[in-house]
Amino acid sequence: MNTSIDLTILKVLSNETRMSILQWLKDPEANFGPECAPVKCEFEGGVCVGSIQEKSGLAQSVISGYLSMMQKAGLLESKRVGQWTYYRRNEEKIEEFLKCLSVEL
């Protein structure tokens, strides 16, 4: 485990919409409904970019940028299924970050 706080993750979390996306993805079925799950795909908890964009009310380009930033920071995982891209939380990385934060602060 890294012993210093990941400032990239803190930057990602400093935006209200990005925080909301992480919160929504914590319980995707409750926040997006079962119909948002990938069809014929083993990517449990994944939600389509379009569903995230619709819930946020922001432009798809903005949401795509946010999701890319969150994925680069390690907070999200993605999988492409046909023409759709699905995102879900990277629980292992989130847990690692929270442990480090509790130790450092």
N, C-alpha and C. Protein backbone atom coordinates (compact mmCIF):
# COMPACT_ATOMS: atom_id res chain seq x y z
N MET A 1 0.84 -1.19 0.00
CA MET A 1 0.00 0.00 0.00
C MET A 1 0.88 1.25 0.00
N ASN A 2 0.51 2.19 -0.81
CA ASN A 2 1.20 3.47 -0.87
C ASN A 2 1.01 4.21 0.46
N THR A 3 2.07 4.82 0.98
CA THR A 3 1.97 5.45 2.29
C THR A 3 1.68 6.94 2.23
N SER A 4 1.60 7.52 1.03
CA SER A 4 1.25 8.92 0.94
C SER A 4 -0.10 9.07 0.26
N ILE A 5 -0.81 10.11 0.63
CA ILE A 5 -2.14 10.36 0.09
C ILE A 5 -2.03 10.68 -1.40
N ASP A 6 -2.87 10.06 -2.18
CA ASP A 6 -2.89 10.27 -3.63
C ASP A 6 -3.61 11.58 -3.92
N LEU A 7 -2.84 12.60 -4.30
CA LEU A 7 -3.42 13.92 -4.56
C LEU A 7 -4.29 13.94 -5.80
N THR A 8 -4.03 13.04 -6.75
CA THR A 8 -4.88 12.94 -7.93
C THR A 8 -6.30 12.56 -7.53
N ILE A 9 -6.41 11.61 -6.61
CA ILE A 9 -7.73 11.19 -6.14
C ILE A 9 -8.41 12.34 -5.40
N LEU A 10 -7.66 13.06 -4.58
CA LEU A 10 -8.26 14.21 -3.88
C LEU A 10 -8.78 15.25 -4.87
N LYS A 11 -8.04 15.46 -5.95
CA LYS A 11 -8.48 16.40 -6.98
C LYS A 11 -9.78 15.91 -7.62
N VAL A 12 -9.84 14.63 -7.94
CA VAL A 12 -11.05 14.06 -8.53
C VAL A 12 -12.24 14.24 -7.58
N LEU A 13 -12.00 13.99 -6.30
CA LEU A 13 -13.08 14.06 -5.31
C LEU A 13 -13.49 15.50 -4.96
N SER A 14 -12.73 16.49 -5.42
CA SER A 14 -13.04 17.88 -5.10
C SER A 14 -14.18 18.44 -5.94
N ASN A 15 -14.67 17.67 -6.90
CA ASN A 15 -15.77 18.10 -7.76
C ASN A 15 -17.06 17.42 -7.32
N GLU A 16 -18.11 18.21 -7.12
CA GLU A 16 -19.38 17.68 -6.60
C GLU A 16 -19.99 16.62 -7.51
N THR A 17 -19.94 16.82 -8.81
CA THR A 17 -20.52 15.85 -9.73
C THR A 17 -19.73 14.54 -9.72
N ARG A 18 -18.41 14.63 -9.71
CA ARG A 18 -17.61 13.40 -9.66
C ARG A 18 -17.86 12.64 -8.36
N MET A 19 -18.01 13.36 -7.26
CA MET A 19 -18.35 12.70 -5.99
C MET A 19 -19.72 12.02 -6.10
N SER A 20 -20.67 12.72 -6.70
CA SER A 20 -22.01 12.15 -6.87
C SER A 20 -21.96 10.87 -7.70
N ILE A 21 -21.18 10.88 -8.78
CA ILE A 21 -21.05 9.69 -9.62
C ILE A 21 -20.55 8.51 -8.80
N LEU A 22 -19.53 8.73 -7.98
CA LEU A 22 -19.03 7.64 -7.12
C LEU A 22 -20.11 7.16 -6.16
N GLN A 23 -20.87 8.10 -5.61
CA GLN A 23 -21.95 7.72 -4.70
C GLN A 23 -23.04 6.94 -5.43
N TRP A 24 -23.42 7.39 -6.61
CA TRP A 24 -24.45 6.68 -7.39
C TRP A 24 -24.00 5.27 -7.73
N LEU A 25 -22.71 5.13 -8.10
CA LEU A 25 -22.21 3.82 -8.50
C LEU A 25 -22.02 2.87 -7.31
N LYS A 26 -22.12 3.40 -6.11
CA LYS A 26 -22.03 2.53 -4.93
C LYS A 26 -23.22 1.58 -4.90
N ASP A 27 -24.39 2.05 -5.37
CA ASP A 27 -25.59 1.22 -5.45
C ASP A 27 -26.26 1.49 -6.80
N PRO A 28 -25.69 0.93 -7.88
CA PRO A 28 -26.17 1.27 -9.22
C PRO A 28 -27.63 0.89 -9.48
N GLU A 29 -28.08 -0.22 -8.96
CA GLU A 29 -29.46 -0.64 -9.22
C GLU A 29 -30.45 0.35 -8.60
N ALA A 30 -30.16 0.82 -7.39
CA ALA A 30 -31.04 1.78 -6.74
C ALA A 30 -31.00 3.14 -7.43
N ASN A 31 -29.85 3.53 -7.95
CA ASN A 31 -29.69 4.85 -8.53
C ASN A 31 -29.98 4.93 -10.03
N PHE A 32 -29.85 3.80 -10.73
CA PHE A 32 -30.05 3.81 -12.18
C PHE A 32 -31.10 2.81 -12.64
N GLY A 33 -31.48 1.86 -11.78
CA GLY A 33 -32.43 0.83 -12.16
C GLY A 33 -31.73 -0.37 -12.77
N PRO A 34 -32.37 -1.52 -12.73
CA PRO A 34 -31.75 -2.76 -13.25
C PRO A 34 -31.54 -2.74 -14.76
N GLU A 35 -32.29 -1.92 -15.48
CA GLU A 35 -32.17 -1.89 -16.93
C GLU A 35 -30.86 -1.27 -17.42
N CYS A 36 -30.09 -0.66 -16.53
CA CYS A 36 -28.83 -0.03 -16.92
C CYS A 36 -27.65 -0.99 -16.89
N ALA A 37 -27.87 -2.20 -16.41
CA ALA A 37 -26.78 -3.18 -16.33
C ALA A 37 -26.40 -3.65 -17.73
N PRO A 38 -25.13 -3.98 -17.94
CA PRO A 38 -24.70 -4.47 -19.25
C PRO A 38 -25.41 -5.77 -19.61
N VAL A 39 -25.86 -5.87 -20.83
CA VAL A 39 -26.54 -7.06 -21.31
C VAL A 39 -25.50 -8.09 -21.74
N LYS A 40 -25.70 -9.33 -21.31
CA LYS A 40 -24.80 -10.43 -21.69
C LYS A 40 -23.33 -10.08 -21.44
N CYS A 41 -23.07 -9.57 -20.25
CA CYS A 41 -21.71 -9.09 -19.97
C CYS A 41 -21.41 -9.36 -18.50
N GLU A 42 -20.25 -9.89 -18.25
CA GLU A 42 -19.84 -10.12 -16.87
C GLU A 42 -19.10 -8.90 -16.35
N PHE A 43 -19.85 -7.86 -16.05
CA PHE A 43 -19.27 -6.63 -15.52
C PHE A 43 -20.26 -6.08 -14.50
N GLU A 44 -20.42 -6.84 -13.42
CA GLU A 44 -21.40 -6.53 -12.39
C GLU A 44 -21.20 -5.12 -11.83
N GLY A 45 -22.29 -4.40 -11.70
CA GLY A 45 -22.24 -3.05 -11.16
C GLY A 45 -21.92 -1.99 -12.18
N GLY A 46 -21.72 -2.39 -13.44
CA GLY A 46 -21.39 -1.43 -14.49
C GLY A 46 -22.61 -0.65 -14.93
N VAL A 47 -22.42 0.63 -15.19
CA VAL A 47 -23.49 1.51 -15.65
C VAL A 47 -23.01 2.22 -16.91
N CYS A 48 -23.89 2.30 -17.90
CA CYS A 48 -23.59 2.93 -19.18
C CYS A 48 -23.36 4.43 -19.02
N VAL A 49 -22.44 4.96 -19.80
CA VAL A 49 -22.13 6.39 -19.78
C VAL A 49 -23.40 7.22 -19.97
N GLY A 50 -24.26 6.80 -20.89
CA GLY A 50 -25.49 7.55 -21.17
C GLY A 50 -26.38 7.68 -19.96
N SER A 51 -26.46 6.63 -19.15
CA SER A 51 -27.28 6.67 -17.94
C SER A 51 -26.70 7.63 -16.91
N ILE A 52 -25.38 7.62 -16.79
CA ILE A 52 -24.70 8.53 -15.86
C ILE A 52 -24.90 9.96 -16.32
N GLN A 53 -24.77 10.18 -17.62
CA GLN A 53 -24.95 11.52 -18.19
C GLN A 53 -26.37 12.01 -17.96
N GLU A 54 -27.34 11.15 -18.20
CA GLU A 54 -28.75 11.53 -18.04
C GLU A 54 -29.04 11.92 -16.58
N LYS A 55 -28.55 11.14 -15.65
CA LYS A 55 -28.79 11.42 -14.23
C LYS A 55 -28.11 12.73 -13.80
N SER A 56 -26.95 13.01 -14.36
CA SER A 56 -26.21 14.22 -13.96
C SER A 56 -26.81 15.49 -14.55
N GLY A 57 -27.42 15.36 -15.74
CA GLY A 57 -27.96 16.53 -16.41
C GLY A 57 -26.91 17.36 -17.14
N LEU A 58 -25.68 16.85 -17.19
CA LEU A 58 -24.60 17.56 -17.88
C LEU A 58 -24.39 16.98 -19.27
N ALA A 59 -23.65 17.69 -20.11
CA ALA A 59 -23.36 17.22 -21.46
C ALA A 59 -22.55 15.92 -21.42
N GLN A 60 -22.76 15.07 -22.41
CA GLN A 60 -22.05 13.80 -22.45
C GLN A 60 -20.54 14.01 -22.50
N SER A 61 -20.08 15.04 -23.21
CA SER A 61 -18.64 15.29 -23.29
C SER A 61 -18.05 15.61 -21.91
N VAL A 62 -18.80 16.34 -21.10
CA VAL A 62 -18.34 16.67 -19.75
C VAL A 62 -18.26 15.40 -18.90
N ILE A 63 -19.32 14.60 -18.95
CA ILE A 63 -19.36 13.36 -18.16
C ILE A 63 -18.27 12.39 -18.64
N SER A 64 -18.06 12.29 -19.93
CA SER A 64 -17.01 11.41 -20.45
C SER A 64 -15.64 11.85 -19.93
N GLY A 65 -15.41 13.16 -19.89
CA GLY A 65 -14.15 13.68 -19.34
C GLY A 65 -14.01 13.35 -17.87
N TYR A 66 -15.09 13.52 -17.11
CA TYR A 66 -15.07 13.19 -15.68
C TYR A 66 -14.77 11.71 -15.47
N LEU A 67 -15.45 10.84 -16.24
CA LEU A 67 -15.27 9.41 -16.08
C LEU A 67 -13.84 9.00 -16.43
N SER A 68 -13.30 9.60 -17.48
CA SER A 68 -11.92 9.31 -17.87
C SER A 68 -10.95 9.72 -16.76
N MET A 69 -11.15 10.88 -16.20
CA MET A 69 -10.30 11.36 -15.11
C MET A 69 -10.40 10.43 -13.89
N MET A 70 -11.60 9.99 -13.58
CA MET A 70 -11.82 9.10 -12.44
C MET A 70 -11.18 7.74 -12.68
N GLN A 71 -11.23 7.28 -13.94
CA GLN A 71 -10.60 6.00 -14.27
C GLN A 71 -9.08 6.11 -14.19
N LYS A 72 -8.52 7.19 -14.69
CA LYS A 72 -7.07 7.39 -14.63
C LYS A 72 -6.57 7.46 -13.19
N ALA A 73 -7.41 7.98 -12.29
CA ALA A 73 -7.05 8.05 -10.87
C ALA A 73 -7.21 6.69 -10.20
N GLY A 74 -7.82 5.74 -10.89
CA GLY A 74 -7.99 4.39 -10.34
C GLY A 74 -9.30 4.17 -9.61
N LEU A 75 -10.18 5.16 -9.58
CA LEU A 75 -11.43 5.04 -8.83
C LEU A 75 -12.50 4.25 -9.59
N LEU A 76 -12.38 4.19 -10.91
CA LEU A 76 -13.37 3.48 -11.73
C LEU A 76 -12.69 2.47 -12.64
N GLU A 77 -13.45 1.45 -13.00
CA GLU A 77 -13.07 0.47 -14.00
C GLU A 77 -14.07 0.60 -15.14
N SER A 78 -13.66 0.25 -16.35
CA SER A 78 -14.60 0.33 -17.47
C SER A 78 -14.51 -0.91 -18.34
N LYS A 79 -15.58 -1.13 -19.08
CA LYS A 79 -15.62 -2.23 -20.05
C LYS A 79 -16.48 -1.81 -21.22
N ARG A 80 -15.95 -2.03 -22.40
CA ARG A 80 -16.70 -1.71 -23.61
C ARG A 80 -17.47 -2.96 -24.05
N VAL A 81 -18.76 -2.78 -24.31
CA VAL A 81 -19.62 -3.86 -24.78
C VAL A 81 -20.33 -3.34 -26.02
N GLY A 82 -19.88 -3.80 -27.18
CA GLY A 82 -20.45 -3.28 -28.43
C GLY A 82 -20.16 -1.79 -28.54
N GLN A 83 -21.21 -1.01 -28.73
CA GLN A 83 -21.04 0.44 -28.85
C GLN A 83 -21.09 1.17 -27.51
N TRP A 84 -21.32 0.45 -26.44
CA TRP A 84 -21.51 1.06 -25.13
C TRP A 84 -20.28 0.85 -24.24
N THR A 85 -20.02 1.84 -23.39
CA THR A 85 -18.98 1.71 -22.37
C THR A 85 -19.64 1.79 -21.01
N TYR A 86 -19.30 0.83 -20.16
CA TYR A 86 -19.86 0.75 -18.81
C TYR A 86 -18.77 1.04 -17.79
N TYR A 87 -19.17 1.71 -16.72
CA TYR A 87 -18.23 2.05 -15.64
C TYR A 87 -18.76 1.50 -14.32
N ARG A 88 -17.82 1.13 -13.46
CA ARG A 88 -18.16 0.74 -12.09
C ARG A 88 -17.01 1.18 -11.19
N ARG A 89 -17.30 1.19 -9.89
CA ARG A 89 -16.30 1.58 -8.90
C ARG A 89 -15.20 0.53 -8.79
N ASN A 90 -13.99 0.99 -8.55
CA ASN A 90 -12.87 0.10 -8.25
C ASN A 90 -12.76 0.06 -6.73
N GLU A 91 -13.50 -0.85 -6.12
CA GLU A 91 -13.60 -0.89 -4.66
C GLU A 91 -12.25 -1.10 -3.98
N GLU A 92 -11.39 -1.88 -4.60
CA GLU A 92 -10.07 -2.13 -4.01
C GLU A 92 -9.26 -0.83 -3.89
N LYS A 93 -9.25 -0.04 -4.94
CA LYS A 93 -8.51 1.22 -4.94
C LYS A 93 -9.14 2.23 -3.97
N ILE A 94 -10.45 2.26 -3.92
CA ILE A 94 -11.14 3.18 -3.00
C ILE A 94 -10.80 2.81 -1.56
N GLU A 95 -10.83 1.53 -1.24
CA GLU A 95 -10.50 1.06 0.11
C GLU A 95 -9.06 1.39 0.47
N GLU A 96 -8.15 1.19 -0.48
CA GLU A 96 -6.74 1.51 -0.26
C GLU A 96 -6.56 3.00 0.03
N PHE A 97 -7.24 3.83 -0.75
CA PHE A 97 -7.16 5.29 -0.56
C PHE A 97 -7.70 5.68 0.81
N LEU A 98 -8.85 5.13 1.20
CA LEU A 98 -9.45 5.47 2.49
C LEU A 98 -8.56 5.04 3.66
N LYS A 99 -7.92 3.89 3.56
CA LYS A 99 -7.01 3.45 4.62
C LYS A 99 -5.82 4.41 4.73
N CYS A 100 -5.27 4.77 3.60
CA CYS A 100 -4.13 5.68 3.58
C CYS A 100 -4.54 7.04 4.17
N LEU A 101 -5.72 7.51 3.80
CA LEU A 101 -6.22 8.80 4.30
C LEU A 101 -6.38 8.75 5.83
N SER A 102 -6.90 7.64 6.34
CA SER A 102 -7.09 7.55 7.80
C SER A 102 -5.77 7.50 8.54
N VAL A 103 -4.75 6.91 7.94
CA VAL A 103 -3.43 6.84 8.55
C VAL A 103 -2.74 8.22 8.51
N GLU A 104 -2.79 8.84 7.35
CA GLU A 104 -2.09 10.10 7.14
C GLU A 104 -2.73 11.29 7.85
N LEU A 105 -4.05 11.29 7.94
CA LEU A 105 -4.73 12.40 8.60
C LEU A 105 -5.16 12.01 9.97
